[in-house]
Amino acid sequence: MTESWSERVEEKESMGFAEDDGHTRTGTVWTATAHAITAIIGSGVLALPWSVAQMGWILGPFTLLACAIVTYYTANLLSDCYRTPDPIHGKRNHTYMDVVSSCLGPRNVCLCAIAQYALLWGTMVGYVITAATSMMAIDRSNCFHYKGHNAHCNTSGNLYLILFGIVELVLSQFPNLEKITVISLIAAAMSFAYSFISLFLCIFKLASNHTFQGTILGAKIGATLSLSTKLWYAFQALGNIAFAYTYSMLLIEIQDTIKAPPPENKTMKRASLHGIGVTTIFYVSVGCIGYAAFGNKAPGNILTGFYEPFWLVDIANVAVIIHLIGAFQVYGQPIYAKYENYLLKKWPESVFFHKVYILPLPFCKTRAFRFTLCKLILRSAFVVLTISTAMMLPFFNAVVGLLGAIAFWPLTVHFPVSMYMAQAKIRRGQWQWVMLSFLSAIALLVSVLAAAGSVVDIIHRLKHVTMFKTKL
């Protein structure tokens, strides 16, 4: 009788777990859970009430739960691929692309890299749009507070986009992620702050309404909403929800911090259960309470729907801005490292890439700004390109939906499923192969529909927007 994959895993769990790469790991299920929650919760939470509003009281909560279940299941599959070819004693893989390389080969690494770096850069564009939206929301909230809610408080976001870009130009010159650890920790704390404030504001508004709003099928078709537009918005909402659960791309890096015994994959599965479970409860609360409070008129960014208490709304929006300042660099540094390493190897003798210039800092005699022309010019150009793209496509929900489409099928479902089947030696035609292939096909359909809905909305909005003129 053939021994099953799970039986082989259980058999080897009773064996030794010596560190095999000379690196001491101290992570536990609780530190991994904290990392998982931090990795998942982000600005995507701001779009959840709008997303539920597009699908209604049945499909909205169902989609939130379905995405959570799929993310958790595929995270477990990915956890078993941290070591290859054996999940207990195999060689460690330190990054997501290392796992793809070990299980599927170099060709798939290229495809994974395209999806991963497209998501990284697209998320940076989305973060710029979200930060500008929060800055404009603060301006308008204060205007309404001091001049009354009937005042004309329209504001343009270009100035805020430029200010955000200047800050990122400075931060982009930090050598690597290790040098901005404090910024990352502050950013994580801010994400929790605005998420909980958003939930509190939704509860407060719902209590003041004295009634639940919303309908079974979501936004109603009428003079201002055609059937086709409703369908595109519903597809876009799928992408918004999928983006909110983006997690798999960082799972391997989190698992690489966990000590053994017990086996890393076992600990990581518990951490994923706790992390995704807590996040799901929070997401369902924000999405459903926000929809109950605003009904079918839920704003695309939930924080733009509140004006009082203005000080609390301002605190939430400031938290969003601080979070995104740090998150922009967390997503940007891997891109910088990738193309800079390539260029350094391509031109090993070039002064442009290799000569280090030292500029003394006027207020700190013990420190100096060290840079190469490559980093100074190319990183600055990359930030300018990202800010310019955000100015041309200032559409929060559409961009978030497109990012969710990019991430969901390839990174959350397809590669984890394919790697698990390769490692577990599941043959074509077996019932596991049929079920996993069906799951991948459904995820592909969801991503295609989400991408289509987002692209159609972007095209429609481009017809009615002035280029480089961002409005709330």
Protein backbone atom coordinates (compact mmCIF):
# COMPACT_ATOMS: atom_id res chain seq x y z
CA MET A 1 0.00 0.00 0.00
CA THR A 2 1.39 3.43 -0.95
CA GLU A 3 2.21 5.69 2.00
CA SER A 4 0.29 8.99 1.81
CA TRP A 5 1.92 12.42 1.92
CA SER A 6 0.35 13.25 5.28
CA GLU A 7 1.49 9.93 6.77
CA ARG A 8 5.08 10.61 5.68
CA VAL A 9 4.91 14.09 7.24
CA GLU A 10 3.56 12.73 10.54
CA GLU A 11 6.20 9.99 10.62
CA LYS A 12 9.04 12.49 10.26
CA GLU A 13 7.70 14.93 12.84
CA SER A 14 9.09 12.69 15.61
CA MET A 15 12.66 12.98 14.27
CA GLY A 16 15.32 15.65 14.92
CA PHE A 17 15.30 19.28 13.83
CA ALA A 18 18.85 20.58 13.80
CA GLU A 19 19.45 24.01 12.32
CA ASP A 20 21.14 23.26 9.00
CA ASP A 21 22.24 26.64 7.72
CA GLY A 22 24.08 28.08 10.71
CA HIS A 23 21.32 30.63 11.39
CA THR A 24 19.73 30.77 14.84
CA ARG A 25 15.95 31.16 14.69
CA THR A 26 13.86 32.24 17.67
CA GLY A 27 10.38 32.65 16.13
CA THR A 28 7.38 30.97 17.74
CA VAL A 29 3.76 30.48 16.77
CA TRP A 30 2.93 33.78 18.46
CA THR A 31 5.62 35.86 16.76
CA ALA A 32 4.64 34.27 13.43
CA THR A 33 0.98 35.07 14.15
CA ALA A 34 1.91 38.71 14.83
CA HIS A 35 3.88 38.88 11.58
CA ALA A 36 0.98 37.28 9.68
CA ILE A 37 -1.61 39.74 11.01
CA THR A 38 0.72 42.66 10.26
CA ALA A 39 1.31 41.34 6.73
CA ILE A 40 -2.40 40.95 5.98
CA ILE A 41 -4.02 44.01 7.54
CA GLY A 42 -3.39 47.13 5.48
CA SER A 43 -5.10 49.81 3.43
CA GLY A 44 -7.24 47.18 1.68
CA VAL A 45 -9.52 47.23 4.74
CA LEU A 46 -10.69 50.74 3.78
CA ALA A 47 -12.41 49.40 0.64
CA LEU A 48 -14.33 46.53 2.29
CA PRO A 49 -17.66 48.32 3.08
CA TRP A 50 -17.82 49.54 -0.54
CA SER A 51 -17.04 46.03 -1.76
CA VAL A 52 -19.81 44.49 0.35
CA ALA A 53 -22.18 47.19 -0.94
CA GLN A 54 -21.59 46.09 -4.54
CA MET A 55 -22.61 42.49 -3.75
CA GLY A 56 -25.18 42.81 -0.98
CA TRP A 57 -25.87 40.99 2.26
CA ILE A 58 -25.56 37.49 0.79
CA LEU A 59 -22.62 37.55 -1.62
CA GLY A 60 -20.64 40.21 0.27
CA PRO A 61 -20.08 38.31 3.56
CA PHE A 62 -19.83 35.02 1.62
CA THR A 63 -16.97 36.41 -0.50
CA LEU A 64 -15.14 37.71 2.58
CA LEU A 65 -15.32 34.25 4.18
CA ALA A 66 -14.54 32.37 0.94
CA CYS A 67 -11.38 34.41 0.30
CA ALA A 68 -10.28 33.79 3.89
CA ILE A 69 -10.79 30.01 3.57
CA VAL A 70 -8.95 29.82 0.24
CA THR A 71 -6.08 31.96 1.58
CA TYR A 72 -5.76 29.76 4.68
CA TYR A 73 -5.89 26.51 2.71
CA THR A 74 -3.28 27.54 0.14
CA ALA A 75 -1.11 29.02 2.93
CA ASN A 76 -1.02 25.54 4.47
CA LEU A 77 0.02 24.04 1.14
CA LEU A 78 2.76 26.65 0.81
CA SER A 79 3.97 25.98 4.37
CA ASP A 80 4.70 22.35 3.41
CA CYS A 81 6.98 23.61 0.63
CA TYR A 82 9.27 25.69 2.87
CA ARG A 83 11.65 22.73 2.85
CA THR A 84 12.22 20.76 -0.34
CA PRO A 85 12.00 18.03 -1.42
CA ASP A 86 10.96 16.88 2.05
CA PRO A 87 8.73 19.09 4.25
CA ILE A 88 10.60 18.16 7.45
CA HIS A 89 14.26 17.54 6.61
CA GLY A 90 14.59 19.07 3.16
CA LYS A 91 16.63 22.12 2.15
CA ARG A 92 15.33 25.43 3.43
CA ASN A 93 13.92 28.00 0.99
CA HIS A 94 14.26 31.53 2.30
CA THR A 95 11.95 33.38 -0.12
CA TYR A 96 8.83 32.74 -2.16
CA MET A 97 10.82 32.61 -5.40
CA ASP A 98 13.31 30.17 -3.84
CA VAL A 99 10.40 27.78 -3.29
CA VAL A 100 9.19 28.25 -6.87
CA SER A 101 12.70 27.53 -8.15
CA SER A 102 13.10 24.40 -6.02
CA CYS A 103 9.69 22.92 -6.84
CA LEU A 104 8.88 24.11 -10.35
CA GLY A 105 12.13 25.16 -12.02
CA PRO A 106 13.60 28.37 -13.53
CA ARG A 107 10.89 28.95 -16.14
CA ASN A 108 8.26 29.34 -13.44
CA VAL A 109 10.60 31.61 -11.47
CA CYS A 110 10.41 34.09 -14.34
CA LEU A 111 6.60 33.98 -14.38
CA CYS A 112 6.50 34.33 -10.59
CA ALA A 113 8.89 37.29 -10.73
CA ILE A 114 6.69 39.09 -13.25
CA ALA A 115 3.60 38.64 -11.05
CA GLN A 116 5.46 39.47 -7.83
CA TYR A 117 7.20 42.62 -9.02
CA ALA A 118 4.10 43.81 -10.87
CA LEU A 119 2.21 43.47 -7.60
CA LEU A 120 4.94 45.27 -5.65
CA TRP A 121 5.03 48.24 -8.01
CA GLY A 122 1.25 48.32 -8.44
CA THR A 123 0.82 48.34 -4.68
CA MET A 124 3.19 51.31 -4.46
CA VAL A 125 0.99 53.17 -6.97
CA GLY A 126 -2.08 52.25 -4.93
CA TYR A 127 -0.43 53.46 -1.74
CA VAL A 128 0.35 56.84 -3.31
CA ILE A 129 -3.31 57.23 -4.33
CA THR A 130 -4.51 56.21 -0.86
CA ALA A 131 -2.12 58.59 0.90
CA ALA A 132 -3.24 61.51 -1.28
CA THR A 133 -6.89 60.59 -0.62
CA SER A 134 -6.26 60.69 3.15
CA MET A 135 -4.52 64.07 2.90
CA MET A 136 -7.45 65.47 0.95
CA ALA A 137 -9.90 63.93 3.44
CA ILE A 138 -8.15 65.76 6.31
CA ASP A 139 -8.37 69.04 4.38
CA ARG A 140 -12.07 68.55 3.62
CA SER A 141 -12.94 67.31 7.13
CA ASN A 142 -11.42 70.43 8.70
CA CYS A 143 -13.15 72.62 6.12
CA PHE A 144 -16.56 71.13 6.94
CA HIS A 145 -15.90 71.40 10.67
CA TYR A 146 -15.05 75.10 10.60
CA LYS A 147 -17.26 76.29 7.69
CA GLY A 148 -20.22 73.91 7.99
CA HIS A 149 -21.27 70.90 5.92
CA ASN A 150 -22.87 73.09 3.22
CA ALA A 151 -19.58 74.81 2.43
CA HIS A 152 -17.77 74.18 -0.86
CA CYS A 153 -14.77 72.18 0.31
CA ASN A 154 -13.43 70.73 -2.92
CA THR A 155 -9.69 70.10 -2.92
CA SER A 156 -7.13 68.86 -5.42
CA GLY A 157 -4.68 66.11 -4.58
CA ASN A 158 -1.74 66.98 -6.84
CA LEU A 159 -0.01 69.05 -4.17
CA TYR A 160 -0.36 66.18 -1.70
CA LEU A 161 0.91 63.67 -4.24
CA ILE A 162 4.01 65.82 -4.77
CA LEU A 163 4.59 66.21 -1.02
CA PHE A 164 4.30 62.45 -0.54
CA GLY A 165 6.71 61.95 -3.43
CA ILE A 166 9.31 64.28 -1.88
CA VAL A 167 9.25 62.28 1.36
CA GLU A 168 9.66 59.02 -0.57
CA LEU A 169 12.53 60.48 -2.62
CA VAL A 170 14.44 61.01 0.62
CA LEU A 171 13.56 57.60 2.13
CA SER A 172 14.39 55.79 -1.11
CA GLN A 173 18.07 56.63 -0.56
CA PHE A 174 18.27 54.36 2.50
CA PRO A 175 20.47 51.41 1.51
CA ASN A 176 18.11 48.53 2.34
CA LEU A 177 15.18 47.31 4.43
CA GLU A 178 17.33 46.78 7.53
CA LYS A 179 17.98 50.53 7.65
CA ILE A 180 14.27 51.37 7.81
CA THR A 181 13.18 48.79 10.42
CA VAL A 182 11.91 51.48 12.80
CA ILE A 183 9.81 53.01 10.01
CA SER A 184 8.34 49.57 9.26
CA LEU A 185 7.40 49.02 12.93
CA ILE A 186 5.75 52.44 13.14
CA ALA A 187 3.90 51.72 9.87
CA ALA A 188 2.56 48.44 11.25
CA ALA A 189 1.29 50.17 14.40
CA MET A 190 -0.41 52.84 12.27
CA SER A 191 -2.22 50.22 10.17
CA PHE A 192 -3.81 48.82 13.33
CA ALA A 193 -4.68 52.33 14.52
CA TYR A 194 -6.64 53.42 11.44
CA SER A 195 -8.24 50.00 11.02
CA PHE A 196 -9.68 50.04 14.54
CA ILE A 197 -10.70 53.70 14.27
CA SER A 198 -12.52 52.86 11.03
CA LEU A 199 -14.39 50.05 12.80
CA PHE A 200 -15.26 52.32 15.72
CA LEU A 201 -16.56 55.06 13.41
CA CYS A 202 -18.71 52.53 11.53
CA ILE A 203 -20.18 51.25 14.81
CA PHE A 204 -20.82 54.83 15.97
CA LYS A 205 -22.60 55.73 12.72
CA LEU A 206 -24.68 52.54 12.78
CA ALA A 207 -25.76 53.26 16.36
CA SER A 208 -26.74 56.82 15.43
CA ASN A 209 -28.81 55.58 12.47
CA HIS A 210 -30.92 53.29 14.71
CA THR A 211 -31.43 50.96 11.72
CA PHE A 212 -29.52 48.60 9.46
CA GLN A 213 -29.10 49.72 5.86
CA GLY A 214 -28.28 47.74 2.73
CA THR A 215 -30.12 45.26 0.52
CA ILE A 216 -29.89 41.54 -0.28
CA LEU A 217 -28.37 42.11 -3.73
CA GLY A 218 -26.41 45.28 -3.03
CA ALA A 219 -26.48 48.48 -5.09
CA LYS A 220 -29.78 48.79 -6.94
CA ILE A 221 -30.06 49.09 -10.70
CA GLY A 222 -31.70 52.37 -11.71
CA ALA A 223 -31.23 55.67 -13.48
CA THR A 224 -27.72 56.11 -12.11
CA LEU A 225 -26.61 52.46 -12.22
CA SER A 226 -27.00 50.15 -15.22
CA LEU A 227 -26.88 46.36 -15.06
CA SER A 228 -23.52 46.24 -16.83
CA THR A 229 -22.00 48.84 -14.46
CA LYS A 230 -23.30 46.93 -11.44
CA LEU A 231 -21.65 43.73 -12.72
CA TRP A 232 -18.32 45.49 -13.37
CA TYR A 233 -18.41 47.01 -9.88
CA ALA A 234 -19.19 43.59 -8.36
CA PHE A 235 -16.22 42.07 -10.22
CA GLN A 236 -14.03 44.95 -9.05
CA ALA A 237 -15.20 44.30 -5.48
CA LEU A 238 -13.92 40.73 -5.80
CA GLY A 239 -10.48 42.15 -6.50
CA ASN A 240 -10.74 44.57 -3.56
CA ILE A 241 -11.49 41.72 -1.17
CA ALA A 242 -8.78 39.49 -2.66
CA PHE A 243 -6.24 42.32 -2.24
CA ALA A 244 -7.20 42.72 1.41
CA TYR A 245 -6.17 39.09 2.03
CA THR A 246 -2.78 39.30 0.25
CA TYR A 247 -0.49 37.19 2.41
CA SER A 248 1.12 34.23 0.62
CA MET A 249 3.88 36.36 -0.91
CA LEU A 250 5.33 36.99 2.58
CA LEU A 251 4.58 33.60 4.19
CA ILE A 252 7.91 31.93 3.40
CA GLU A 253 9.88 34.86 4.82
CA ILE A 254 7.81 34.63 8.03
CA GLN A 255 8.26 30.87 8.24
CA ASP A 256 12.01 31.31 7.84
CA THR A 257 12.08 33.02 11.27
CA ILE A 258 10.53 30.05 13.13
CA LYS A 259 12.63 27.79 15.36
CA ALA A 260 12.32 24.00 15.39
CA PRO A 261 11.19 21.67 16.90
CA PRO A 262 8.25 21.47 16.41
CA PRO A 263 8.48 21.43 12.59
CA GLU A 264 8.33 24.86 10.96
CA ASN A 265 5.43 23.86 8.72
CA LYS A 266 3.34 22.74 11.69
CA THR A 267 4.01 25.97 13.59
CA MET A 268 3.33 28.09 10.50
CA LYS A 269 -0.02 26.39 9.91
CA ARG A 270 -1.10 27.29 13.43
CA ALA A 271 0.13 30.86 12.93
CA SER A 272 -1.82 31.12 9.65
CA LEU A 273 -4.96 29.83 11.36
CA HIS A 274 -4.66 32.39 14.15
CA GLY A 275 -3.59 35.24 11.89
CA ILE A 276 -6.12 34.72 9.12
CA GLY A 277 -8.82 33.90 11.69
CA VAL A 278 -8.34 37.16 13.60
CA THR A 279 -8.08 39.14 10.37
CA THR A 280 -11.25 37.56 8.97
CA ILE A 281 -13.27 38.43 12.07
CA PHE A 282 -12.01 41.99 11.80
CA TYR A 283 -12.62 42.23 8.04
CA VAL A 284 -16.15 40.84 8.27
CA SER A 285 -16.86 43.31 11.10
CA VAL A 286 -15.58 46.33 9.16
CA GLY A 287 -17.15 45.28 5.85
CA CYS A 288 -20.57 44.37 7.23
CA ILE A 289 -20.90 47.05 9.91
CA GLY A 290 -19.70 49.65 7.41
CA TYR A 291 -22.31 48.45 4.90
CA ALA A 292 -25.01 48.40 7.59
CA ALA A 293 -24.08 52.00 8.48
CA PHE A 294 -23.85 53.47 4.95
CA GLY A 295 -25.94 51.04 2.88
CA ASN A 296 -25.50 51.12 -0.87
CA LYS A 297 -23.93 54.59 -0.62
CA ALA A 298 -20.83 53.28 1.18
CA PRO A 299 -17.80 55.32 0.02
CA GLY A 300 -14.92 53.68 -1.84
CA ASN A 301 -12.56 54.62 1.00
CA ILE A 302 -14.54 54.30 4.22
CA LEU A 303 -12.66 57.11 5.98
CA THR A 304 -13.86 59.63 3.37
CA GLY A 305 -17.43 59.04 4.58
CA PHE A 306 -16.90 60.54 8.04
CA TYR A 307 -16.55 64.20 9.02
CA GLU A 308 -17.26 64.10 12.76
CA PRO A 309 -15.71 63.80 15.25
CA PHE A 310 -13.29 65.56 12.96
CA TRP A 311 -10.28 65.10 15.27
CA LEU A 312 -10.69 61.30 15.33
CA VAL A 313 -11.17 61.19 11.55
CA ASP A 314 -8.01 63.28 11.17
CA ILE A 315 -6.07 60.93 13.47
CA ALA A 316 -7.15 57.94 11.37
CA ASN A 317 -6.13 59.63 8.14
CA VAL A 318 -2.78 60.72 9.59
CA ALA A 319 -2.24 57.09 10.63
CA VAL A 320 -2.98 56.00 7.05
CA ILE A 321 -0.42 58.49 5.70
CA ILE A 322 2.30 57.43 8.17
CA HIS A 323 1.63 53.75 7.42
CA LEU A 324 1.85 54.27 3.68
CA ILE A 325 5.05 56.33 3.91
CA GLY A 326 6.73 53.29 5.45
CA ALA A 327 4.89 50.68 3.39
CA PHE A 328 5.91 52.39 0.14
CA GLN A 329 9.56 51.71 0.98
CA VAL A 330 8.90 48.16 2.24
CA TYR A 331 7.50 47.35 -1.20
CA GLY A 332 10.03 49.48 -3.09
CA GLN A 333 13.29 48.25 -1.55
CA PRO A 334 13.05 44.71 -3.07
CA ILE A 335 12.58 46.29 -6.51
CA TYR A 336 15.58 48.57 -6.01
CA ALA A 337 17.70 45.63 -4.86
CA LYS A 338 16.69 43.50 -7.84
CA TYR A 339 17.57 45.92 -10.64
CA GLU A 340 20.63 47.32 -8.84
CA ASN A 341 22.15 43.86 -8.34
CA TYR A 342 21.54 43.12 -12.01
CA LEU A 343 23.16 46.37 -13.14
CA LEU A 344 26.15 45.92 -10.81
CA LYS A 345 26.88 42.53 -12.34
CA LYS A 346 26.22 43.77 -15.88
CA TRP A 347 28.72 46.64 -15.64
CA PRO A 348 31.28 45.66 -12.95
CA GLU A 349 33.75 48.45 -13.89
CA SER A 350 31.31 51.33 -14.29
CA VAL A 351 31.87 54.35 -12.03
CA PHE A 352 28.16 55.19 -12.33
CA PHE A 353 27.21 51.97 -10.56
CA HIS A 354 30.15 51.37 -8.24
CA LYS A 355 31.81 54.59 -7.08
CA VAL A 356 30.60 55.60 -3.61
CA TYR A 357 30.36 59.34 -2.91
CA ILE A 358 30.41 60.61 0.67
CA LEU A 359 28.55 63.77 1.65
CA PRO A 360 29.04 64.95 5.29
CA LEU A 361 25.82 65.75 7.10
CA PRO A 362 25.85 69.33 8.50
CA PHE A 363 24.10 68.52 11.80
CA CYS A 364 25.78 65.17 12.52
CA LYS A 365 29.56 65.05 12.39
CA THR A 366 29.74 61.30 13.06
CA ARG A 367 27.54 60.37 10.11
CA ALA A 368 27.64 60.95 6.38
CA PHE A 369 25.36 60.35 3.40
CA ARG A 370 26.91 57.62 1.22
CA PHE A 371 25.54 57.10 -2.27
CA THR A 372 26.30 56.01 -5.80
CA LEU A 373 25.02 57.89 -8.82
CA CYS A 374 23.06 54.76 -9.72
CA LYS A 375 21.08 54.83 -6.48
CA LEU A 376 20.66 58.58 -6.43
CA ILE A 377 19.39 58.88 -10.00
CA LEU A 378 17.62 55.59 -10.70
CA ARG A 379 15.80 55.36 -7.38
CA SER A 380 14.67 58.96 -7.70
CA ALA A 381 13.49 58.31 -11.26
CA PHE A 382 11.57 55.24 -10.10
CA VAL A 383 9.79 57.22 -7.37
CA VAL A 384 8.91 59.98 -9.87
CA LEU A 385 7.55 57.36 -12.29
CA THR A 386 5.40 55.85 -9.53
CA ILE A 387 4.03 59.22 -8.40
CA SER A 388 3.32 60.23 -12.02
CA THR A 389 1.42 56.99 -12.64
CA ALA A 390 -0.67 57.62 -9.53
CA MET A 391 -1.47 61.12 -10.84
CA MET A 392 -2.67 59.62 -14.13
CA LEU A 393 -4.72 56.85 -12.47
CA PRO A 394 -6.10 58.34 -9.23
CA PHE A 395 -8.82 55.70 -8.84
CA PHE A 396 -8.62 54.01 -5.42
CA ASN A 397 -11.08 51.11 -5.81
CA ALA A 398 -10.21 50.33 -9.42
CA VAL A 399 -6.47 50.19 -8.73
CA VAL A 400 -6.96 48.10 -5.56
CA GLY A 401 -9.22 45.71 -7.50
CA LEU A 402 -6.62 45.31 -10.23
CA LEU A 403 -3.92 44.60 -7.63
CA GLY A 404 -6.12 41.95 -6.04
CA ALA A 405 -6.59 40.33 -9.45
CA ILE A 406 -2.81 40.30 -10.03
CA ALA A 407 -2.12 38.73 -6.64
CA PHE A 408 -4.97 36.27 -6.11
CA TRP A 409 -4.63 33.60 -8.78
CA PRO A 410 -0.90 33.43 -9.47
CA LEU A 411 0.58 34.14 -6.02
CA THR A 412 -2.15 33.07 -3.59
CA VAL A 413 -3.47 29.97 -5.41
CA HIS A 414 -1.67 28.81 -8.58
CA PHE A 415 1.95 28.63 -7.40
CA PRO A 416 1.18 27.18 -3.91
CA VAL A 417 -1.09 24.53 -5.48
CA SER A 418 1.40 23.68 -8.24
CA MET A 419 4.36 23.52 -5.84
CA TYR A 420 2.48 21.32 -3.38
CA MET A 421 1.43 18.90 -6.12
CA ALA A 422 5.01 18.73 -7.41
CA GLN A 423 6.49 18.18 -3.96
CA ALA A 424 3.83 15.66 -2.88
CA LYS A 425 4.12 13.89 -6.26
CA ILE A 426 0.39 14.06 -6.92
CA ARG A 427 -0.17 12.57 -10.36
CA ARG A 428 -2.54 13.87 -13.01
CA GLY A 429 -5.94 12.22 -12.64
CA GLN A 430 -5.78 11.57 -8.89
CA TRP A 431 -8.67 13.00 -6.89
CA GLN A 432 -6.30 15.46 -5.14
CA TRP A 433 -5.10 16.67 -8.54
CA VAL A 434 -8.70 17.11 -9.73
CA MET A 435 -9.75 19.08 -6.64
CA LEU A 436 -6.66 21.29 -6.55
CA SER A 437 -6.88 21.96 -10.28
CA PHE A 438 -10.55 22.91 -9.87
CA LEU A 439 -9.62 25.32 -7.06
CA SER A 440 -6.94 26.90 -9.27
CA ALA A 441 -9.41 27.24 -12.16
CA ILE A 442 -11.99 28.98 -9.95
CA ALA A 443 -9.30 31.35 -8.64
CA LEU A 444 -8.23 32.12 -12.21
CA LEU A 445 -11.83 32.97 -13.11
CA VAL A 446 -12.11 35.27 -10.08
CA SER A 447 -8.87 37.05 -11.03
CA VAL A 448 -9.95 37.48 -14.66
CA LEU A 449 -13.34 38.90 -13.63
CA ALA A 450 -11.74 41.21 -11.04
CA ALA A 451 -9.17 42.44 -13.56
CA ALA A 452 -11.86 43.00 -16.19
CA GLY A 453 -14.07 44.96 -13.78
CA SER A 454 -11.16 47.13 -12.65
CA VAL A 455 -9.83 47.83 -16.16
CA VAL A 456 -13.30 48.72 -17.45
CA ASP A 457 -13.76 51.15 -14.54
CA ILE A 458 -10.33 52.72 -15.14
CA ILE A 459 -11.09 53.18 -18.85
CA HIS A 460 -14.51 54.68 -18.05
CA ARG A 461 -13.06 57.10 -15.50
CA LEU A 462 -10.23 58.17 -17.82
CA LYS A 463 -12.88 59.46 -20.22
CA HIS A 464 -14.25 61.80 -17.54
CA VAL A 465 -11.15 62.94 -15.72
CA THR A 466 -8.59 65.65 -16.37
CA MET A 467 -5.12 64.13 -16.53
CA PHE A 468 -2.87 64.98 -13.58
CA LYS A 469 -5.79 66.47 -11.65
CA THR A 470 -6.62 64.38 -8.59
CA LYS A 471 -9.92 64.98 -6.80
CA LEU A 472 -11.54 63.36 -3.76
